[in-house]
Amino acid sequence: MALSFRLDPPIDPALRDGVLALWTEVSNAGGAVGFVPPVTVEDIRSEWLKHLTGLAEGQKRLLVGYDEDGQLAAAVFLAHNTHRLMRHWVWLYTVMVHPRHQGRGYGRDLLDAAADAARTLDGIEAVRLSCRGGTGLENFYASCGYKEVGRVPGAIRVADGDDREEITMLLPLN
């Protein structure tokens, strides 16, 4: 069954708790969403607050996906560029699908919904994201239409002695 998506849902305690729980579960399952397991909701809360500030200031948008039971199953943040020469594309941050739903095509559905959301924004011609090397995510994103446009060796330090590439991917919307 497909997810139902909502762009810019009302930020209430249920959504906050759902996003924090999702982010924690994805992180602890090894998802490359800014943390290395083990993490708790409290570890993630400060990053949520940063995203919440961006949402309140209109610099970010939140797209969430709900499963057939109405439970939060996926989320991604779309971030506008503030640089005046780069306002024609948006970033995707923290692309997450709950581990219990992985393997069902929900990641692809989430990326399609994010691209559709980006197309509704004035003047947006492309979507960019970055992913952690060593996870194979670049292959998944490529299968969703993204093209690799750059790599920065050693940009991400997962642990002492474990540096990974940051891989930048681009999806033209035209």
Protein backbone atom coordinates (compact mmCIF):
# COMPACT_ATOMS: atom_id res chain seq x y z
CA MET A 1 0.00 0.00 0.00
CA ALA A 2 1.28 3.49 -0.84
CA LEU A 3 2.11 6.23 1.60
CA SER A 4 0.02 9.39 1.73
CA PHE A 5 2.17 12.51 1.68
CA ARG A 6 1.66 15.91 3.21
CA LEU A 7 3.76 19.00 2.56
CA ASP A 8 3.99 21.51 5.42
CA PRO A 9 1.94 19.61 7.99
CA PRO A 10 1.01 21.53 11.15
CA ILE A 11 3.84 21.26 13.64
CA ASP A 12 2.23 19.89 16.78
CA PRO A 13 3.48 17.61 19.56
CA ALA A 14 2.38 14.46 17.71
CA LEU A 15 4.33 15.42 14.58
CA ARG A 16 7.36 16.49 16.63
CA ASP A 17 7.36 13.21 18.52
CA GLY A 18 6.81 11.26 15.31
CA VAL A 19 9.71 12.90 13.49
CA LEU A 20 12.02 12.48 16.48
CA ALA A 21 11.08 8.81 16.82
CA LEU A 22 11.48 8.22 13.07
CA TRP A 23 14.88 9.94 13.01
CA THR A 24 16.01 7.89 16.02
CA GLU A 25 14.84 4.59 14.52
CA VAL A 26 16.43 5.34 11.14
CA SER A 27 19.71 6.39 12.79
CA ASN A 28 19.84 3.32 15.02
CA ALA A 29 19.17 1.07 12.02
CA GLY A 30 22.32 2.52 10.38
CA GLY A 31 20.63 5.14 8.22
CA ALA A 32 22.95 7.94 7.11
CA VAL A 33 20.87 10.84 8.45
CA GLY A 34 23.46 12.81 10.39
CA PHE A 35 24.10 10.50 13.32
CA VAL A 36 25.94 7.30 14.14
CA PRO A 37 24.19 4.74 16.34
CA PRO A 38 23.37 4.40 19.10
CA VAL A 39 21.33 7.59 19.51
CA THR A 40 18.34 8.65 21.58
CA VAL A 41 15.55 11.11 20.90
CA GLU A 42 17.42 13.58 23.11
CA ASP A 43 20.53 13.28 20.91
CA ILE A 44 18.47 14.24 17.87
CA ARG A 45 16.34 16.97 19.45
CA SER A 46 18.86 19.80 18.81
CA GLU A 47 18.93 19.00 15.07
CA TRP A 48 15.12 18.93 15.01
CA LEU A 49 15.13 22.39 16.62
CA LYS A 50 17.48 23.69 13.91
CA HIS A 51 15.14 22.36 11.22
CA LEU A 52 12.15 23.77 13.13
CA THR A 53 13.77 27.22 13.06
CA GLY A 54 14.23 26.90 9.29
CA LEU A 55 10.59 25.90 8.94
CA ALA A 56 9.43 28.87 11.03
CA GLU A 57 11.58 31.26 8.98
CA GLY A 58 10.29 29.87 5.68
CA GLN A 59 13.71 28.60 4.62
CA LYS A 60 12.71 24.94 4.86
CA ARG A 61 9.67 22.83 4.09
CA LEU A 62 8.77 19.48 5.63
CA LEU A 63 7.29 16.62 3.63
CA VAL A 64 5.98 13.64 5.57
CA GLY A 65 4.53 10.31 4.52
CA TYR A 66 1.96 8.35 6.51
CA ASP A 67 1.36 4.62 6.24
CA GLU A 68 -2.04 2.93 5.94
CA ASP A 69 -2.41 3.07 9.74
CA GLY A 70 -1.84 6.84 9.80
CA GLN A 71 1.61 6.44 11.37
CA LEU A 72 4.53 8.63 10.29
CA ALA A 73 6.59 6.40 8.02
CA ALA A 74 8.78 8.81 6.02
CA ALA A 75 10.03 12.39 6.06
CA VAL A 76 12.36 14.77 4.25
CA PHE A 77 13.22 18.45 4.57
CA LEU A 78 13.41 20.69 1.49
CA ALA A 79 15.68 23.69 2.00
CA HIS A 80 15.71 26.84 -0.06
CA ASN A 81 19.05 28.36 -0.97
CA THR A 82 19.74 31.74 0.52
CA HIS A 83 22.55 32.56 -1.92
CA ARG A 84 21.08 34.82 -4.59
CA LEU A 85 22.89 32.96 -7.40
CA MET A 86 21.59 29.55 -6.31
CA ARG A 87 17.90 30.15 -5.72
CA HIS A 88 16.92 28.03 -8.70
CA TRP A 89 17.44 24.74 -6.85
CA VAL A 90 16.62 23.28 -3.42
CA TRP A 91 18.41 20.86 -1.10
CA LEU A 92 16.89 17.70 0.32
CA TYR A 93 18.00 16.96 3.88
CA THR A 94 17.43 14.02 6.18
CA VAL A 95 15.70 11.65 3.77
CA MET A 96 14.11 9.01 6.02
CA VAL A 97 11.91 5.94 5.68
CA HIS A 98 11.15 3.95 8.83
CA PRO A 99 13.12 0.68 8.87
CA ARG A 100 9.91 -1.40 9.15
CA HIS A 101 8.84 0.02 5.77
CA GLN A 102 12.10 -0.31 3.87
CA GLY A 103 12.09 -2.53 0.82
CA ARG A 104 8.54 -1.55 -0.16
CA GLY A 105 9.42 1.25 -2.59
CA TYR A 106 8.59 3.97 -0.07
CA GLY A 107 12.00 5.63 -0.48
CA ARG A 108 11.37 6.05 -4.19
CA ASP A 109 7.85 7.31 -3.43
CA LEU A 110 9.28 9.83 -0.95
CA LEU A 111 11.79 11.13 -3.50
CA ASP A 112 9.07 11.39 -6.17
CA ALA A 113 6.85 13.32 -3.74
CA ALA A 114 9.77 15.61 -2.83
CA ALA A 115 10.42 16.33 -6.52
CA ASP A 116 6.71 17.04 -7.02
CA ALA A 117 6.79 19.41 -4.03
CA ALA A 118 9.86 21.17 -5.42
CA ARG A 119 8.08 21.65 -8.76
CA THR A 120 5.40 23.67 -6.97
CA LEU A 121 7.98 26.20 -5.74
CA ASP A 122 8.51 29.28 -7.89
CA GLY A 123 11.65 29.19 -10.02
CA ILE A 124 12.97 25.82 -8.82
CA GLU A 125 14.67 23.88 -11.59
CA ALA A 126 16.53 21.15 -9.70
CA VAL A 127 16.91 19.25 -6.46
CA ARG A 128 20.25 18.49 -4.84
CA LEU A 129 21.13 16.17 -2.01
CA SER A 130 24.26 14.72 -0.53
CA CYS A 131 24.83 11.26 0.83
CA ARG A 132 27.46 9.45 2.83
CA GLY A 133 29.89 7.32 0.85
CA GLY A 134 30.28 3.67 1.73
CA THR A 135 26.54 3.08 2.05
CA GLY A 136 25.58 2.51 -1.59
CA LEU A 137 22.97 5.25 -1.38
CA GLU A 138 24.31 6.92 -4.51
CA ASN A 139 23.17 3.86 -6.48
CA PHE A 140 19.67 4.14 -5.04
CA TYR A 141 19.49 7.87 -5.80
CA ALA A 142 20.78 7.25 -9.34
CA SER A 143 18.00 4.69 -9.85
CA CYS A 144 15.57 7.49 -8.90
CA GLY A 145 16.91 9.80 -11.62
CA TYR A 146 19.59 11.68 -9.67
CA LYS A 147 22.98 12.19 -11.26
CA GLU A 148 26.20 12.24 -9.29
CA VAL A 149 27.79 15.68 -9.67
CA GLY A 150 30.58 15.61 -7.11
CA ARG A 151 32.52 13.84 -4.35
CA VAL A 152 34.48 15.25 -1.47
CA PRO A 153 36.88 12.64 -0.06
CA GLY A 154 36.99 12.41 3.73
CA ALA A 155 34.27 15.03 4.22
CA ILE A 156 32.29 12.91 6.70
CA ARG A 157 33.94 11.50 9.82
CA VAL A 158 31.81 8.62 11.06
CA ALA A 159 34.39 7.63 13.68
CA ASP A 160 38.11 8.03 14.33
CA GLY A 161 39.82 6.47 11.32
CA ASP A 162 36.55 6.11 9.39
CA ASP A 163 36.21 9.04 7.01
CA ARG A 164 33.72 8.85 4.15
CA GLU A 165 33.12 10.72 0.94
CA GLU A 166 30.29 13.21 0.68
CA ILE A 167 28.55 12.49 -2.62
CA THR A 168 26.44 15.24 -4.19
CA MET A 169 23.55 14.21 -6.42
CA LEU A 170 21.33 16.38 -8.68
CA LEU A 171 17.86 15.86 -10.12
CA PRO A 172 16.87 18.30 -12.87
CA LEU A 173 13.13 18.99 -12.73
CA ASN A 174 12.54 20.03 -16.34
